[in-house]
Each structure stands twice: as structure tokens, then as C-alpha cells.
N, C-alpha and C. Protein backbone atom coordinates (compact mmCIF):
# COMPACT_ATOMS: atom_id res chain seq x y z
N UNK A 1 17.08 4.58 -1.53
CA UNK A 1 16.10 4.14 -2.36
C UNK A 1 14.87 5.06 -1.88
N UNK A 2 14.39 5.65 -2.83
CA UNK A 2 13.09 6.26 -2.04
C UNK A 2 11.90 5.29 -2.19
N UNK A 3 11.02 5.65 -1.15
CA UNK A 3 10.12 4.61 -0.49
C UNK A 3 8.36 5.34 -0.64
N UNK A 4 7.56 4.61 -0.95
CA UNK A 4 6.01 5.22 -0.72
C UNK A 4 4.95 4.60 0.08
N UNK A 5 4.24 5.18 0.25
CA UNK A 5 3.39 4.09 1.34
C UNK A 5 1.92 4.36 0.46
N UNK A 6 1.31 3.39 0.35
CA UNK A 6 0.03 3.05 -0.44
C UNK A 6 -1.26 2.62 0.56
N UNK A 7 -1.92 3.89 1.10
CA UNK A 7 -3.01 3.59 2.12
C UNK A 7 -3.99 2.66 2.20
N UNK A 8 -4.13 2.08 3.10
CA UNK A 8 -5.19 1.22 2.87
C UNK A 8 -6.57 1.22 4.36
N UNK A 9 -7.76 1.12 3.99
CA UNK A 9 -8.37 1.68 4.79
C UNK A 9 -8.79 0.40 6.17
N UNK A 10 -7.79 -0.69 5.92
CA UNK A 10 -8.13 -1.58 7.18
C UNK A 10 -7.05 -2.61 7.14
N UNK A 11 -6.57 -3.45 8.21
CA UNK A 11 -5.83 -3.86 8.48
C UNK A 11 -5.75 -5.19 7.31
N UNK A 12 -7.00 -5.94 7.64
CA UNK A 12 -7.70 -6.57 6.63
C UNK A 12 -7.00 -6.53 5.15
N UNK A 13 -7.35 -5.51 4.60
CA UNK A 13 -7.27 -5.28 3.47
C UNK A 13 -5.93 -4.88 3.07
N UNK A 14 -5.01 -4.81 4.28
CA UNK A 14 -3.43 -4.68 4.08
C UNK A 14 -3.02 -5.91 3.85
N UNK A 15 -3.45 -6.62 5.00
CA UNK A 15 -3.03 -8.21 4.80
C UNK A 15 -2.88 -8.88 3.62
N UNK A 16 -4.48 -8.84 2.82
CA UNK A 16 -4.73 -9.28 1.72
C UNK A 16 -3.76 -8.97 0.40
N UNK A 17 -3.72 -7.44 0.59
CA UNK A 17 -3.00 -6.84 -0.66
C UNK A 17 -1.35 -7.42 -0.63
N UNK A 18 -0.89 -7.08 0.63
CA UNK A 18 0.68 -8.15 0.70
C UNK A 18 0.50 -9.41 0.52
N UNK A 19 -0.49 -10.01 0.61
CA UNK A 19 -0.22 -11.61 -0.09
C UNK A 19 -0.54 -11.38 -1.53
N UNK A 20 -1.18 -10.76 -1.69
CA UNK A 20 -1.40 -11.09 -3.52
C UNK A 20 0.07 -10.06 -4.10
N UNK A 21 0.68 -9.04 -3.92
CA UNK A 21 1.60 -8.55 -3.82
C UNK A 21 2.88 -9.69 -4.01
N UNK A 22 2.90 -10.15 -2.88
CA UNK A 22 3.94 -11.13 -2.68
C UNK A 22 4.12 -12.13 -3.82
N UNK A 23 2.96 -12.62 -4.37
CA UNK A 23 2.74 -13.62 -5.14
C UNK A 23 3.29 -13.11 -6.72
N UNK A 24 3.30 -11.45 -7.11
CA UNK A 24 3.84 -10.97 -8.06
C UNK A 24 5.41 -10.51 -7.81
N UNK A 25 5.59 -10.95 -6.63
CA UNK A 25 7.13 -10.41 -6.62
C UNK A 25 7.58 -9.39 -5.77
N UNK A 26 6.50 -8.84 -5.36
CA UNK A 26 6.59 -7.29 -4.83
C UNK A 26 6.42 -7.33 -3.54
N UNK A 27 7.32 -7.44 -2.90
CA UNK A 27 8.12 -7.18 -1.49
C UNK A 27 7.30 -5.47 -0.80
N UNK A 28 6.36 -6.12 0.26
CA UNK A 28 5.82 -4.62 1.09
C UNK A 28 5.79 -4.84 2.17
N UNK A 29 5.91 -3.91 3.37
CA UNK A 29 5.84 -4.00 4.59
C UNK A 29 4.44 -2.98 5.04
N UNK A 30 3.83 -3.66 5.66
CA UNK A 30 2.59 -3.11 6.19
C UNK A 30 3.08 -1.87 7.42
N UNK A 31 2.46 -0.80 7.39
CA UNK A 31 2.90 0.18 8.65
C UNK A 31 1.91 0.87 8.61
N UNK A 32 1.66 1.78 9.77
CA UNK A 32 0.88 2.84 10.39
C UNK A 32 0.99 3.97 9.88
N UNK A 33 0.80 4.67 9.09
CA UNK A 33 1.54 6.21 8.90
C UNK A 33 1.00 6.98 9.40
N UNK A 34 1.56 8.28 9.61
CA UNK A 34 1.20 9.46 11.21
C UNK A 34 0.26 9.79 10.58
N UNK A 35 -1.15 9.98 11.45
CA UNK A 35 -2.39 10.45 10.93
C UNK A 35 -2.10 11.94 10.57
N UNK A 36 -1.15 12.83 10.56
CA UNK A 36 -0.95 14.15 10.17
C UNK A 36 -0.65 13.82 8.33
N UNK A 37 -0.03 12.74 7.60
CA UNK A 37 -0.43 12.46 6.44
C UNK A 37 -1.31 12.12 5.90
N UNK A 38 -2.05 11.19 6.65
CA UNK A 38 -3.32 10.53 5.76
C UNK A 38 -4.90 11.90 6.46
N UNK A 39 -5.10 12.54 5.86
CA UNK A 39 -6.17 13.21 5.80
C UNK A 39 -7.28 12.55 5.70
N UNK A 40 -7.81 11.53 5.36
CA UNK A 40 -8.79 10.43 5.13
C UNK A 40 -9.03 9.66 6.41
N UNK A 41 -7.52 9.93 7.12
CA UNK A 41 -7.92 9.02 8.33
C UNK A 41 -7.40 7.35 7.96
N UNK A 42 -6.72 7.09 6.85
CA UNK A 42 -6.29 5.74 6.62
C UNK A 42 -5.55 5.25 7.69
N UNK A 43 -5.52 4.37 8.34
CA UNK A 43 -5.02 3.60 9.35
C UNK A 43 -3.86 2.58 9.33
N UNK A 44 -3.98 2.10 8.14
CA UNK A 44 -2.67 1.53 7.63
C UNK A 44 -2.31 1.68 6.10
N UNK A 45 -1.08 1.16 5.86
CA UNK A 45 -0.56 1.48 4.34
C UNK A 45 0.33 0.30 4.23
N UNK A 46 1.04 0.13 3.04
CA UNK A 46 1.82 -0.93 2.26
C UNK A 46 3.08 0.17 2.11
N UNK A 47 4.37 -0.19 2.37
CA UNK A 47 5.45 0.45 2.31
C UNK A 47 6.30 -0.01 1.44
N UNK A 48 6.67 0.46 0.25
CA UNK A 48 7.53 -0.38 -0.84
C UNK A 48 8.05 0.77 -1.75
N UNK A 49 9.05 0.10 -2.65
CA UNK A 49 9.78 1.11 -2.94
C UNK A 49 9.25 1.81 -3.91
N UNK A 50 9.47 3.21 -4.65
CA UNK A 50 8.67 4.14 -5.08
C UNK A 50 8.56 3.72 -6.70
N UNK A 51 9.66 2.62 -7.25
CA UNK A 51 9.47 2.35 -8.48
C UNK A 51 8.28 1.36 -8.82
N UNK A 52 8.07 0.53 -7.53
CA UNK A 52 7.01 -0.86 -7.32
C UNK A 52 5.52 -0.11 -7.62
N UNK A 53 5.58 0.84 -7.34
CA UNK A 53 4.03 2.02 -7.08
C UNK A 53 3.12 1.38 -8.29
N UNK A 54 3.44 1.59 -9.19
CA UNK A 54 2.49 1.83 -10.50
C UNK A 54 2.08 0.37 -10.79
N UNK A 55 3.50 -0.44 -10.74
CA UNK A 55 2.88 -2.13 -11.16
C UNK A 55 1.93 -2.58 -10.23
N UNK A 56 2.44 -2.39 -8.87
CA UNK A 56 1.72 -2.71 -7.42
C UNK A 56 0.20 -1.92 -7.64
N UNK A 57 -0.24 -1.17 -7.83
CA UNK A 57 -1.43 -0.67 -8.09
C UNK A 57 -2.57 -1.32 -9.32
N UNK A 58 -1.45 -1.41 -10.49
CA UNK A 58 -2.29 -2.32 -11.42
C UNK A 58 -2.62 -3.61 -10.96
N UNK A 59 -1.88 -4.33 -10.12
CA UNK A 59 -2.22 -5.76 -9.53
C UNK A 59 -3.19 -5.44 -8.40
N UNK A 60 -3.13 -4.51 -7.86
CA UNK A 60 -4.56 -4.64 -6.75
C UNK A 60 -5.82 -4.02 -7.30
N UNK A 61 -5.65 -2.97 -8.48
CA UNK A 61 -6.66 -3.15 -9.31
C UNK A 61 -7.39 -4.49 -9.98
N UNK A 62 -6.20 -5.11 -10.73
CA UNK A 62 -6.79 -6.16 -11.27
C UNK A 62 -7.45 -7.13 -10.35
N UNK A 63 -7.04 -7.37 -9.07
CA UNK A 63 -7.40 -7.88 -8.05
C UNK A 63 -8.48 -7.92 -7.19
N UNK A 64 -8.94 -6.65 -7.52
CA UNK A 64 -10.35 -5.71 -6.89
C UNK A 64 -9.79 -5.38 -5.61
N UNK A 65 -8.85 -5.06 -5.36
CA UNK A 65 -8.86 -4.68 -3.64
C UNK A 65 -8.23 -3.24 -3.44
N UNK A 66 -9.39 -2.45 -2.53
CA UNK A 66 -9.26 -1.11 -3.02
C UNK A 66 -8.26 -0.13 -2.16
N UNK A 67 -7.70 0.91 -2.58
CA UNK A 67 -6.54 1.51 -1.77
C UNK A 67 -6.44 2.81 -1.74
N UNK A 68 -5.92 3.68 -1.02
CA UNK A 68 -6.54 5.31 -1.07
C UNK A 68 -5.09 5.73 -1.63
N UNK A 69 -4.58 6.64 -1.09
CA UNK A 69 -3.48 7.36 -1.70
C UNK A 69 -1.91 7.13 -1.74
N UNK A 70 -1.32 7.61 -2.30
CA UNK A 70 0.67 7.38 -2.15
C UNK A 70 1.03 8.65 -1.45
N UNK A 71 1.66 7.81 -0.32
CA UNK A 71 2.25 8.99 0.29
C UNK A 71 3.58 8.56 0.62
N UNK A 72 4.22 10.09 0.32
CA UNK A 72 6.21 9.90 0.48
C UNK A 72 6.17 10.13 1.67
N UNK A 73 7.65 9.13 1.54
CA UNK A 73 8.08 9.62 3.40
C UNK A 73 9.50 9.99 3.21
């Protein structure tokens, strides 16, 4: 299955987002994407299945948790 990374600006936000998404049944893994993939310099990301990205974004927006861009891996 294809996976994507939703970038986060800090480890604290990544942990908070992971906890919130887990409550909604979305399993994610906190990763450190390659600096080559993140032109904005995002240091952390949430790796998940591609089909979960849309729902994860909706949940994070509802919970006012900021995120960056979506990276293909």
C-alpha cells in the first residue's frame, strides 16, 4: 500500500496529532522526513496509509492542530 507523510513543525505537535488520530482509529507513525523532501524544514511527520490522509486532515483541522504539507514516500 502507498504511504504518505503529513509534515509537522515540531515533535510536540506530532505527538499530540498522533494521540488525536488514534482516538479516531487512524494509526500513524512519527517519522523524521529527509530534509530534501521538506523545503520548509519541517522536522517531523506522521506517516500513514494514503487513503487515510483526507480523513486525518479533517480531524486535525477540527482539533485545531496545525500541519504542513503531504509528502509521497
